[in-house]
PDB file of N, CA and C in Angstrom:
ATOM      1  N   MET A   1      94.556 195.677  40.372  1.00  0.00           N
ATOM      2  CA  MET A   1      93.254 195.274  39.898  1.00  0.00           C
ATOM      3  C   MET A   1      92.573 194.419  40.960  1.00  0.00           C
ATOM      4  N   ARG A   2      91.292 194.671  41.169  1.00  0.00           N
ATOM      5  CA  ARG A   2      90.564 193.928  42.183  1.00  0.00           C
ATOM      6  C   ARG A   2      90.061 192.609  41.637  1.00  0.00           C
ATOM      7  N   LYS A   3      90.002 191.646  42.519  1.00  0.00           N
ATOM      8  CA  LYS A   3      89.441 190.350  42.159  1.00  0.00           C
ATOM      9  C   LYS A   3      87.915 190.476  42.153  1.00  0.00           C
ATOM     10  N   SER A   4      87.278 189.946  41.121  1.00  0.00           N
ATOM     11  CA  SER A   4      85.820 190.032  41.057  1.00  0.00           C
ATOM     12  C   SER A   4      85.207 189.094  42.087  1.00  0.00           C
ATOM     13  N   VAL A   5      84.166 189.577  42.717  1.00  0.00           N
ATOM     14  CA  VAL A   5      83.476 188.819  43.761  1.00  0.00           C
ATOM     15  C   VAL A   5      82.226 188.209  43.141  1.00  0.00           C
ATOM     16  N   LYS A   6      82.031 186.931  43.361  1.00  0.00           N
ATOM     17  CA  LYS A   6      80.831 186.257  42.881  1.00  0.00           C
ATOM     18  C   LYS A   6      79.780 186.303  43.983  1.00  0.00           C
ATOM     19  N   PHE A   7      78.625 186.774  43.638  1.00  0.00           N
ATOM     20  CA  PHE A   7      77.527 186.828  44.591  1.00  0.00           C
ATOM     21  C   PHE A   7      76.578 185.672  44.306  1.00  0.00           C
ATOM     22  N   SER A   8      76.066 185.084  45.352  1.00  0.00           N
ATOM     23  CA  SER A   8      75.136 183.966  45.175  1.00  0.00           C
ATOM     24  C   SER A   8      73.817 184.489  44.608  1.00  0.00           C
ATOM     25  N   PRO A   9      73.057 183.621  43.959  1.00  0.00           N
ATOM     26  CA  PRO A   9      71.758 184.050  43.420  1.00  0.00           C
ATOM     27  C   PRO A   9      70.824 184.595  44.494  1.00  0.00           C
ATOM     28  N   GLU A  10      70.925 184.055  45.714  1.00  0.00           N
ATOM     29  CA  GLU A  10      70.073 184.528  46.798  1.00  0.00           C
ATOM     30  C   GLU A  10      70.409 185.970  47.156  1.00  0.00           C
ATOM     31  N   VAL A  11      71.702 186.295  47.193  1.00  0.00           N
ATOM     32  CA  VAL A  11      72.130 187.660  47.514  1.00  0.00           C
ATOM     33  C   VAL A  11      71.666 188.606  46.409  1.00  0.00           C
ATOM     34  N   ARG A  12      71.810 188.183  45.173  1.00  0.00           N
ATOM     35  CA  ARG A  12      71.367 189.016  44.053  1.00  0.00           C
ATOM     36  C   ARG A  12      69.869 189.300  44.143  1.00  0.00           C
ATOM     37  N   GLU A  13      69.087 188.252  44.369  1.00  0.00           N
ATOM     38  CA  GLU A  13      67.637 188.413  44.458  1.00  0.00           C
ATOM     39  C   GLU A  13      67.259 189.350  45.597  1.00  0.00           C
ATOM     40  N   ARG A  14      67.920 189.199  46.724  1.00  0.00           N
ATOM     41  CA  ARG A  14      67.615 190.045  47.884  1.00  0.00           C
ATOM     42  C   ARG A  14      67.959 191.502  47.593  1.00  0.00           C
ATOM     43  N   ALA A  15      69.105 191.739  46.961  1.00  0.00           N
ATOM     44  CA  ALA A  15      69.511 193.107  46.642  1.00  0.00           C
ATOM     45  C   ALA A  15      68.526 193.744  45.659  1.00  0.00           C
ATOM     46  N   VAL A  16      68.125 193.004  44.643  1.00  0.00           N
ATOM     47  CA  VAL A  16      67.174 193.524  43.661  1.00  0.00           C
ATOM     48  C   VAL A  16      65.835 193.807  44.330  1.00  0.00           C
ATOM     49  N   ARG A  17      65.397 192.900  45.185  1.00  0.00           N
ATOM     50  CA  ARG A  17      64.131 193.095  45.892  1.00  0.00           C
ATOM     51  C   ARG A  17      64.183 194.355  46.757  1.00  0.00           C
ATOM     52  N   MET A  18      65.336 194.567  47.411  1.00  0.00           N
ATOM     53  CA  MET A  18      65.480 195.754  48.250  1.00  0.00           C
ATOM     54  C   MET A  18      65.433 197.033  47.417  1.00  0.00           C
ATOM     55  N   VAL A  19      65.988 196.999  46.219  1.00  0.00           N
ATOM     56  CA  VAL A  19      65.937 198.189  45.350  1.00  0.00           C
ATOM     57  C   VAL A  19      64.491 198.533  45.043  1.00  0.00           C
ATOM     58  N   PHE A  20      63.691 197.539  44.682  1.00  0.00           N
ATOM     59  CA  PHE A  20      62.293 197.805  44.356  1.00  0.00           C
ATOM     60  C   PHE A  20      61.493 198.230  45.588  1.00  0.00           C
ATOM     61  N   GLU A  21      61.804 197.658  46.745  1.00  0.00           N
ATOM     62  CA  GLU A  21      61.091 198.014  47.964  1.00  0.00           C
ATOM     63  C   GLU A  21      61.405 199.435  48.417  1.00  0.00           C
ATOM     64  N   HIS A  22      62.650 199.875  48.275  1.00  0.00           N
ATOM     65  CA  HIS A  22      63.074 201.173  48.791  1.00  0.00           C
ATOM     66  C   HIS A  22      63.174 202.246  47.715  1.00  0.00           C
ATOM     67  N   GLN A  23      62.753 201.945  46.519  1.00  0.00           N
ATOM     68  CA  GLN A  23      62.838 202.901  45.422  1.00  0.00           C
ATOM     69  C   GLN A  23      62.016 204.157  45.701  1.00  0.00           C
ATOM     70  N   GLY A  24      60.888 204.021  46.361  1.00  0.00           N
ATOM     71  CA  GLY A  24      60.029 205.167  46.668  1.00  0.00           C
ATOM     72  C   GLY A  24      60.641 206.116  47.686  1.00  0.00           C
ATOM     73  N   GLU A  25      61.578 205.637  48.477  1.00  0.00           N
ATOM     74  CA  GLU A  25      62.209 206.468  49.501  1.00  0.00           C
ATOM     75  C   GLU A  25      63.317 207.347  48.933  1.00  0.00           C
ATOM     76  N   HIS A  26      63.683 207.117  47.672  1.00  0.00           N
ATOM     77  CA  HIS A  26      64.780 207.843  47.047  1.00  0.00           C
ATOM     78  C   HIS A  26      64.271 208.656  45.863  1.00  0.00           C
ATOM     79  N   ALA A  27      65.078 209.612  45.438  1.00  0.00           N
ATOM     80  CA  ALA A  27      64.681 210.498  44.342  1.00  0.00           C
ATOM     81  C   ALA A  27      64.600 209.749  43.009  1.00  0.00           C
ATOM     82  N   SER A  28      65.424 208.732  42.847  1.00  0.00           N
ATOM     83  CA  SER A  28      65.426 207.969  41.600  1.00  0.00           C
ATOM     84  C   SER A  28      65.822 206.526  41.883  1.00  0.00           C
ATOM     85  N   GLN A  29      65.680 205.702  40.868  1.00  0.00           N
ATOM     86  CA  GLN A  29      66.099 204.311  41.021  1.00  0.00           C
ATOM     87  C   GLN A  29      67.603 204.237  41.224  1.00  0.00           C
ATOM     88  N   TRP A  30      68.336 205.094  40.536  1.00  0.00           N
ATOM     89  CA  TRP A  30      69.790 205.103  40.674  1.00  0.00           C
ATOM     90  C   TRP A  30      70.202 205.427  42.110  1.00  0.00           C
ATOM     91  N   ALA A  31      69.521 206.377  42.757  1.00  0.00           N
ATOM     92  CA  ALA A  31      69.834 206.730  44.145  1.00  0.00           C
ATOM     93  C   ALA A  31      69.594 205.525  45.059  1.00  0.00           C
ATOM     94  N   ALA A  32      68.524 204.788  44.804  1.00  0.00           N
ATOM     95  CA  ALA A  32      68.247 203.582  45.597  1.00  0.00           C
ATOM     96  C   ALA A  32      69.324 202.534  45.354  1.00  0.00           C
ATOM     97  N   VAL A  33      69.748 202.381  44.108  1.00  0.00           N
ATOM     98  CA  VAL A  33      70.782 201.408  43.767  1.00  0.00           C
ATOM     99  C   VAL A  33      72.091 201.756  44.466  1.00  0.00           C
ATOM    100  N   VAL A  34      72.479 203.026  44.428  1.00  0.00           N
ATOM    101  CA  VAL A  34      73.728 203.454  45.066  1.00  0.00           C
ATOM    102  C   VAL A  34      73.672 203.194  46.562  1.00  0.00           C
ATOM    103  N   SER A  35      72.549 203.500  47.176  1.00  0.00           N
ATOM    104  CA  SER A  35      72.391 203.296  48.617  1.00  0.00           C
ATOM    105  C   SER A  35      72.492 201.823  48.994  1.00  0.00           C
ATOM    106  N   ILE A  36      71.835 200.979  48.245  1.00  0.00           N
ATOM    107  CA  ILE A  36      71.769 199.550  48.586  1.00  0.00           C
ATOM    108  C   ILE A  36      73.041 198.816  48.181  1.00  0.00           C
ATOM    109  N   ALA A  37      73.686 199.232  47.095  1.00  0.00           N
ATOM    110  CA  ALA A  37      74.907 198.554  46.629  1.00  0.00           C
ATOM    111  C   ALA A  37      75.986 198.592  47.702  1.00  0.00           C
ATOM    112  N   GLY A  38      76.115 199.698  48.399  1.00  0.00           N
ATOM    113  CA  GLY A  38      77.113 199.799  49.467  1.00  0.00           C
ATOM    114  C   GLY A  38      76.861 198.810  50.587  1.00  0.00           C
ATOM    115  N   LYS A  39      75.619 198.534  50.856  1.00  0.00           N
ATOM    116  CA  LYS A  39      75.268 197.598  51.936  1.00  0.00           C
ATOM    117  C   LYS A  39      75.600 196.150  51.560  1.00  0.00           C
ATOM    118  N   PHE A  40      75.585 195.854  50.260  1.00  0.00           N
ATOM    119  CA  PHE A  40      75.867 194.494  49.807  1.00  0.00           C
ATOM    120  C   PHE A  40      77.311 194.296  49.394  1.00  0.00           C
ATOM    121  N   GLY A  41      78.066 195.377  49.311  1.00  0.00           N
ATOM    122  CA  GLY A  41      79.463 195.258  48.929  1.00  0.00           C
ATOM    123  C   GLY A  41      79.671 195.094  47.433  1.00  0.00           C
ATOM    124  N   SER A  42      78.716 195.552  46.661  1.00  0.00           N
ATOM    125  CA  SER A  42      78.861 195.501  45.206  1.00  0.00           C
ATOM    126  C   SER A  42      78.939 196.931  44.679  1.00  0.00           C
ATOM    127  N   THR A  43      79.331 197.052  43.423  1.00  0.00           N
ATOM    128  CA  THR A  43      79.339 198.382  42.823  1.00  0.00           C
ATOM    129  C   THR A  43      77.912 198.725  42.408  1.00  0.00           C
ATOM    130  N   PRO A  44      77.597 200.009  42.367  1.00  0.00           N
ATOM    131  CA  PRO A  44      76.239 200.389  41.945  1.00  0.00           C
ATOM    132  C   PRO A  44      75.910 199.906  40.535  1.00  0.00           C
ATOM    133  N   GLN A  45      76.880 199.932  39.633  1.00  0.00           N
ATOM    134  CA  GLN A  45      76.612 199.496  38.262  1.00  0.00           C
ATOM    135  C   GLN A  45      76.275 198.003  38.208  1.00  0.00           C
ATOM    136  N   THR A  46      76.943 197.210  39.032  1.00  0.00           N
ATOM    137  CA  THR A  46      76.644 195.773  39.081  1.00  0.00           C
ATOM    138  C   THR A  46      75.211 195.554  39.535  1.00  0.00           C
ATOM    139  N   LEU A  47      74.826 196.233  40.601  1.00  0.00           N
ATOM    140  CA  LEU A  47      73.463 196.092  41.111  1.00  0.00           C
ATOM    141  C   LEU A  47      72.454 196.599  40.084  1.00  0.00           C
ATOM    142  N   LEU A  48      72.773 197.684  39.404  1.00  0.00           N
ATOM    143  CA  LEU A  48      71.866 198.197  38.377  1.00  0.00           C
ATOM    144  C   LEU A  48      71.699 197.181  37.248  1.00  0.00           C
ATOM    145  N   ASN A  49      72.784 196.506  36.879  1.00  0.00           N
ATOM    146  CA  ASN A  49      72.692 195.457  35.856  1.00  0.00           C
ATOM    147  C   ASN A  49      71.758 194.343  36.311  1.00  0.00           C
ATOM    148  N   TRP A  50      71.846 193.955  37.581  1.00  0.00           N
ATOM    149  CA  TRP A  50      70.950 192.914  38.109  1.00  0.00           C
ATOM    150  C   TRP A  50      69.499 193.381  38.063  1.00  0.00           C
ATOM    151  N   VAL A  51      69.280 194.646  38.422  1.00  0.00           N
ATOM    152  CA  VAL A  51      67.920 195.202  38.417  1.00  0.00           C
ATOM    153  C   VAL A  51      67.371 195.216  36.995  1.00  0.00           C
ATOM    154  N   ARG A  52      68.169 195.666  36.042  1.00  0.00           N
ATOM    155  CA  ARG A  52      67.736 195.714  34.644  1.00  0.00           C
ATOM    156  C   ARG A  52      67.418 194.304  34.126  1.00  0.00           C
ATOM    157  N   GLN A  53      68.255 193.321  34.471  1.00  0.00           N
ATOM    158  CA  GLN A  53      67.999 191.951  34.030  1.00  0.00           C
ATOM    159  C   GLN A  53      66.719 191.416  34.654  1.00  0.00           C
ATOM    160  N   HIS A  54      66.488 191.731  35.915  1.00  0.00           N
ATOM    161  CA  HIS A  54      65.245 191.308  36.574  1.00  0.00           C
ATOM    162  C   HIS A  54      64.040 191.935  35.865  1.00  0.00           C
ATOM    163  N   GLU A  55      64.165 193.198  35.487  1.00  0.00           N
ATOM    164  CA  GLU A  55      63.080 193.860  34.768  1.00  0.00           C
ATOM    165  C   GLU A  55      62.831 193.190  33.414  1.00  0.00           C
ATOM    166  N   ARG A  56      63.896 192.787  32.728  1.00  0.00           N
ATOM    167  CA  ARG A  56      63.719 192.081  31.449  1.00  0.00           C
ATOM    168  C   ARG A  56      63.074 190.716  31.670  1.00  0.00           C
ATOM    169  N   ASP A  57      63.506 190.021  32.721  1.00  0.00           N
ATOM    170  CA  ASP A  57      62.973 188.682  32.992  1.00  0.00           C
ATOM    171  C   ASP A  57      61.492 188.718  33.358  1.00  0.00           C
ATOM    172  N   THR A  58      61.062 189.795  34.001  1.00  0.00           N
ATOM    173  CA  THR A  58      59.659 189.898  34.424  1.00  0.00           C
ATOM    174  C   THR A  58      58.785 190.613  33.405  1.00  0.00           C
ATOM    175  N   GLY A  59      59.381 191.043  32.278  1.00  0.00           N
ATOM    176  CA  GLY A  59      58.598 191.679  31.233  1.00  0.00           C
ATOM    177  C   GLY A  59      58.381 193.168  31.421  1.00  0.00           C
ATOM    178  N   GLN A  60      59.014 193.780  32.397  1.00  0.00           N
ATOM    179  CA  GLN A  60      58.862 195.215  32.628  1.00  0.00           C
ATOM    180  C   GLN A  60      59.720 196.032  31.668  1.00  0.00           C
ATOM    181  N   ARG A  61      60.694 195.391  31.041  1.00  0.00           N
ATOM    182  CA  ARG A  61      61.631 196.066  30.144  1.00  0.00           C
ATOM    183  C   ARG A  61      61.848 195.174  28.931  1.00  0.00           C
ATOM    184  N   GLU A  62      62.029 195.803  27.779  1.00  0.00           N
ATOM    185  CA  GLU A  62      62.307 195.063  26.551  1.00  0.00           C
ATOM    186  C   GLU A  62      63.712 194.480  26.595  1.00  0.00           C
ATOM    187  N   GLY A  63      63.881 193.328  25.969  1.00  0.00           N
ATOM    188  CA  GLY A  63      65.206 192.736  25.878  1.00  0.00           C
ATOM    189  C   GLY A  63      65.167 191.228  26.017  1.00  0.00           C
ATOM    190  N   VAL A  64      66.356 190.644  25.998  1.00  0.00           N
ATOM    191  CA  VAL A  64      66.500 189.193  26.064  1.00  0.00           C
ATOM    192  C   VAL A  64      66.455 188.742  27.516  1.00  0.00           C
ATOM    193  N   THR A  65      65.580 187.787  27.806  1.00  0.00           N
ATOM    194  CA  THR A  65      65.492 187.271  29.171  1.00  0.00           C
ATOM    195  C   THR A  65      66.648 186.318  29.451  1.00  0.00           C
ATOM    196  N   SER A  66      66.839 186.013  30.716  1.00  0.00           N
ATOM    197  CA  SER A  66      67.925 185.118  31.117  1.00  0.00           C
ATOM    198  C   SER A  66      67.768 183.737  30.498  1.00  0.00           C
ATOM    199  N   THR A  67      66.543 183.226  30.463  1.00  0.00           N
ATOM    200  CA  THR A  67      66.324 181.896  29.908  1.00  0.00           C
ATOM    201  C   THR A  67      66.593 181.877  28.406  1.00  0.00           C
ATOM    202  N   GLU A  68      66.192 182.953  27.718  1.00  0.00           N
ATOM    203  CA  GLU A  68      66.466 183.028  26.277  1.00  0.00           C
ATOM    204  C   GLU A  68      67.968 183.102  26.021  1.00  0.00           C
ATOM    205  N   ALA A  69      68.670 183.895  26.814  1.00  0.00           N
ATOM    206  CA  ALA A  69      70.118 184.032  26.640  1.00  0.00           C
ATOM    207  C   ALA A  69      70.820 182.699  26.894  1.00  0.00           C
ATOM    208  N   LYS A  70      70.347 181.975  27.918  1.00  0.00           N
ATOM    209  CA  LYS A  70      70.932 180.672  28.230  1.00  0.00           C
ATOM    210  C   LYS A  70      70.685 179.685  27.091  1.00  0.00           C
ATOM    211  N   ARG A  71      69.475 179.705  26.540  1.00  0.00           N
ATOM    212  CA  ARG A  71      69.125 178.804  25.438  1.00  0.00           C
ATOM    213  C   ARG A  71      69.971 179.112  24.190  1.00  0.00           C
ATOM    214  N   VAL A  72      70.150 180.392  23.887  1.00  0.00           N
ATOM    215  CA  VAL A  72      70.967 180.782  22.736  1.00  0.00           C
ATOM    216  C   VAL A  72      72.402 180.317  22.926  1.00  0.00           C
ATOM    217  N   LYS A  73      72.913 180.478  24.135  1.00  0.00           N
ATOM    218  CA  LYS A  73      74.286 180.054  24.420  1.00  0.00           C
ATOM    219  C   LYS A  73      74.436 178.544  24.236  1.00  0.00           C
ATOM    220  N   GLU A  74      73.456 177.776  24.706  1.00  0.00           N
ATOM    221  CA  GLU A  74      73.495 176.319  24.535  1.00  0.00           C
ATOM    222  C   GLU A  74      73.435 175.936  23.056  1.00  0.00           C
ATOM    223  N   LEU A  75      72.589 176.617  22.303  1.00  0.00           N
ATOM    224  CA  LEU A  75      72.474 176.316  20.879  1.00  0.00           C
ATOM    225  C   LEU A  75      73.756 176.679  20.128  1.00  0.00           C
ATOM    226  N   GLU A  76      74.375 177.789  20.502  1.00  0.00           N
ATOM    227  CA  GLU A  76      75.640 178.165  19.863  1.00  0.00           C
ATOM    228  C   GLU A  76      76.727 177.136  20.156  1.00  0.00           C
ATOM    229  N   ARG A  77      76.753 176.618  21.376  1.00  0.00           N
ATOM    230  CA  ARG A  77      77.722 175.584  21.740  1.00  0.00           C
ATOM    231  C   ARG A  77      77.465 174.317  20.928  1.00  0.00           C
ATOM    232  N   GLU A  78      76.200 173.954  20.781  1.00  0.00           N
ATOM    233  CA  GLU A  78      75.852 172.763  20.003  1.00  0.00           C
ATOM    234  C   GLU A  78      76.249 172.930  18.538  1.00  0.00           C
ATOM    235  N   VAL A  79      76.028 174.115  17.987  1.00  0.00           N
ATOM    236  CA  VAL A  79      76.402 174.373  16.595  1.00  0.00           C
ATOM    237  C   VAL A  79      77.914 174.236  16.423  1.00  0.00           C
ATOM    238  N   ARG A  80      78.691 174.788  17.368  1.00  0.00           N
ATOM    239  CA  ARG A  80      80.150 174.659  17.291  1.00  0.00           C
ATOM    240  C   ARG A  80      80.578 173.203  17.304  1.00  0.00           C
ATOM    241  N   GLU A  81      79.979 172.412  18.194  1.00  0.00           N
ATOM    242  CA  GLU A  81      80.325 170.991  18.285  1.00  0.00           C
ATOM    243  C   GLU A  81      79.954 170.250  17.001  1.00  0.00           C
ATOM    244  N   LEU A  82      78.791 170.561  16.448  1.00  0.00           N
ATOM    245  CA  LEU A  82      78.361 169.895  15.216  1.00  0.00           C
ATOM    246  C   LEU A  82      79.243 170.288  14.033  1.00  0.00           C
ATOM    247  N   ARG A  83      79.635 171.549  13.979  1.00  0.00           N
ATOM    248  CA  ARG A  83      80.536 171.968  12.901  1.00  0.00           C
ATOM    249  C   ARG A  83      81.894 171.283  13.025  1.00  0.00           C
ATOM    250  N   ARG A  84      82.379 171.152  14.256  1.00  0.00           N
ATOM    251  CA  ARG A  84      83.651 170.474  14.476  1.00  0.00           C
ATOM    252  C   ARG A  84      83.547 169.009  14.049  1.00  0.00           C
ATOM    253  N   ALA A  85      82.457 168.349  14.434  1.00  0.00           N
ATOM    254  CA  ALA A  85      82.258 166.947  14.052  1.00  0.00           C
ATOM    255  C   ALA A  85      82.116 166.816  12.538  1.00  0.00           C
ATOM    256  N   ASN A  86      81.418 167.755  11.918  1.00  0.00           N
ATOM    257  CA  ASN A  86      81.258 167.724  10.466  1.00  0.00           C
ATOM    258  C   ASN A  86      82.601 167.875   9.765  1.00  0.00           C
ATOM    259  N   GLU A  87      83.448 168.758  10.263  1.00  0.00           N
ATOM    260  CA  GLU A  87      84.775 168.948   9.673  1.00  0.00           C
ATOM    261  C   GLU A  87      85.610 167.678   9.805  1.00  0.00           C
ATOM    262  N   ILE A  88      85.529 167.022  10.948  1.00  0.00           N
ATOM    263  CA  ILE A  88      86.259 165.765  11.146  1.00  0.00           C
ATOM    264  C   ILE A  88      85.770 164.708  10.165  1.00  0.00           C
ATOM    265  N   LEU A  89      84.451 164.620   9.989  1.00  0.00           N
ATOM    266  CA  LEU A  89      83.894 163.642   9.055  1.00  0.00           C
ATOM    267  C   LEU A  89      84.297 163.938   7.617  1.00  0.00           C
ATOM    268  N   LYS A  90      84.337 165.223   7.247  1.00  0.00           N
ATOM    269  CA  LYS A  90      84.774 165.586   5.891  1.00  0.00           C
ATOM    270  C   LYS A  90      86.226 165.171   5.667  1.00  0.00           C
ATOM    271  N   LEU A  91      87.089 165.438   6.649  1.00  0.00           N
ATOM    272  CA  LEU A  91      88.493 165.066   6.518  1.00  0.00           C
ATOM    273  C   LEU A  91      88.669 163.556   6.436  1.00  0.00           C
ATOM    274  N   ALA A  92      87.915 162.830   7.253  1.00  0.00           N
ATOM    275  CA  ALA A  92      88.000 161.366   7.226  1.00  0.00           C
ATOM    276  C   ALA A  92      87.510 160.826   5.887  1.00  0.00           C
ATOM    277  N   SER A  93      86.431 161.393   5.390  1.00  0.00           N
ATOM    278  CA  SER A  93      85.897 160.961   4.104  1.00  0.00           C
ATOM    279  C   SER A  93      86.909 161.201   2.985  1.00  0.00           C
ATOM    280  N   ALA A  94      87.527 162.383   2.997  1.00  0.00           N
ATOM    281  CA  ALA A  94      88.533 162.689   1.977  1.00  0.00           C
ATOM    282  C   ALA A  94      89.730 161.753   2.099  1.00  0.00           C
ATOM    283  N   PHE A  95      90.127 161.443   3.308  1.00  0.00           N
ATOM    284  CA  PHE A  95      91.256 160.548   3.532  1.00  0.00           C
ATOM    285  C   PHE A  95      90.969 159.162   2.968  1.00  0.00           C
ATOM    286  N   PHE A  96      89.785 158.621   3.300  1.00  0.00           N
ATOM    287  CA  PHE A  96      89.453 157.275   2.824  1.00  0.00           C
ATOM    288  C   PHE A  96      89.198 157.253   1.313  1.00  0.00           C
ATOM    289  N   ALA A  97      88.652 158.333   0.768  1.00  0.00           N
ATOM    290  CA  ALA A  97      88.454 158.400  -0.672  1.00  0.00           C
ATOM    291  C   ALA A  97      89.805 158.403  -1.391  1.00  0.00           C
ATOM    292  N   GLN A  98      90.754 159.143  -0.870  1.00  0.00           N
ATOM    293  CA  GLN A  98      92.092 159.183  -1.464  1.00  0.00           C
ATOM    294  C   GLN A  98      92.771 157.818  -1.331  1.00  0.00           C
ATOM    295  N   ALA A  99      92.580 157.171  -0.197  1.00  0.00           N
ATOM    296  CA  ALA A  99      93.167 155.848  -0.005  1.00  0.00           C
ATOM    297  C   ALA A  99      92.568 154.855  -0.995  1.00  0.00           C
ATOM    298  N   GLU A 100      91.286 154.959  -1.272  1.00  0.00           N
ATOM    299  CA  GLU A 100      90.623 154.072  -2.227  1.00  0.00           C
ATOM    300  C   GLU A 100      91.148 154.316  -3.638  1.00  0.00           C
ATOM    301  N   LEU A 101      91.355 155.589  -4.005  1.00  0.00           N
ATOM    302  CA  LEU A 101      91.904 155.907  -5.326  1.00  0.00           C
ATOM    303  C   LEU A 101      93.328 155.402  -5.465  1.00  0.00           C
ATOM    304  N   ASP A 102      94.125 155.568  -4.440  1.00  0.00           N
ATOM    305  CA  ASP A 102      95.499 155.107  -4.471  1.00  0.00           C
ATOM    306  C   ASP A 102      95.567 153.574  -4.597  1.00  0.00           C
ATOM    307  N   ARG A 103      94.666 152.890  -3.965  1.00  0.00           N
ATOM    308  CA  ARG A 103      94.665 151.424  -3.983  1.00  0.00           C
ATOM    309  C   ARG A 103      94.326 150.900  -5.376  1.00  0.00           C
ATOM    310  N   ARG A 104      93.386 151.544  -6.057  1.00  0.00           N
ATOM    311  CA  ARG A 104      92.950 151.075  -7.386  1.00  0.00           C
ATOM    312  C   ARG A 104      94.063 151.251  -8.427  1.00  0.00           C
ATOM    313  N   LEU A 105      94.820 152.325  -8.300  1.00  0.00           N
ATOM    314  CA  LEU A 105      95.855 152.603  -9.269  1.00  0.00           C
ATOM    315  C   LEU A 105      97.020 151.629  -9.197  1.00  0.00           C
ATOM    316  N   LYS A 106      97.293 151.086  -8.079  1.00  0.00           N
ATOM    317  CA  LYS A 106      98.480 150.223  -7.903  1.00  0.00           C
ATOM    318  C   LYS A 106      98.266 148.816  -8.325  1.00  0.00           C
TER     319      LYS A 106
END
């Protein structure tokens, strides 16, 4: 299994820009992606994913933009943390309530 290579945002932007610049020289967008992906050392599908995301971010394609996806991820993380804190508070409340009941009976 190959180790995944992380590309910097600058490399991604340059590769996507090159796809749009050279798209007219090829029969299809996929042909341009295949041609350019080899030059950057990425797989064509990876580059196509970057192109599709760029199209969503610029409004050329329907879907969730990068900023929206990031915001949703942050909100989901916050919800998890709040639920965890709420569960801890419920357990603590039950513990102290039981301790109070036990104290009164004795």
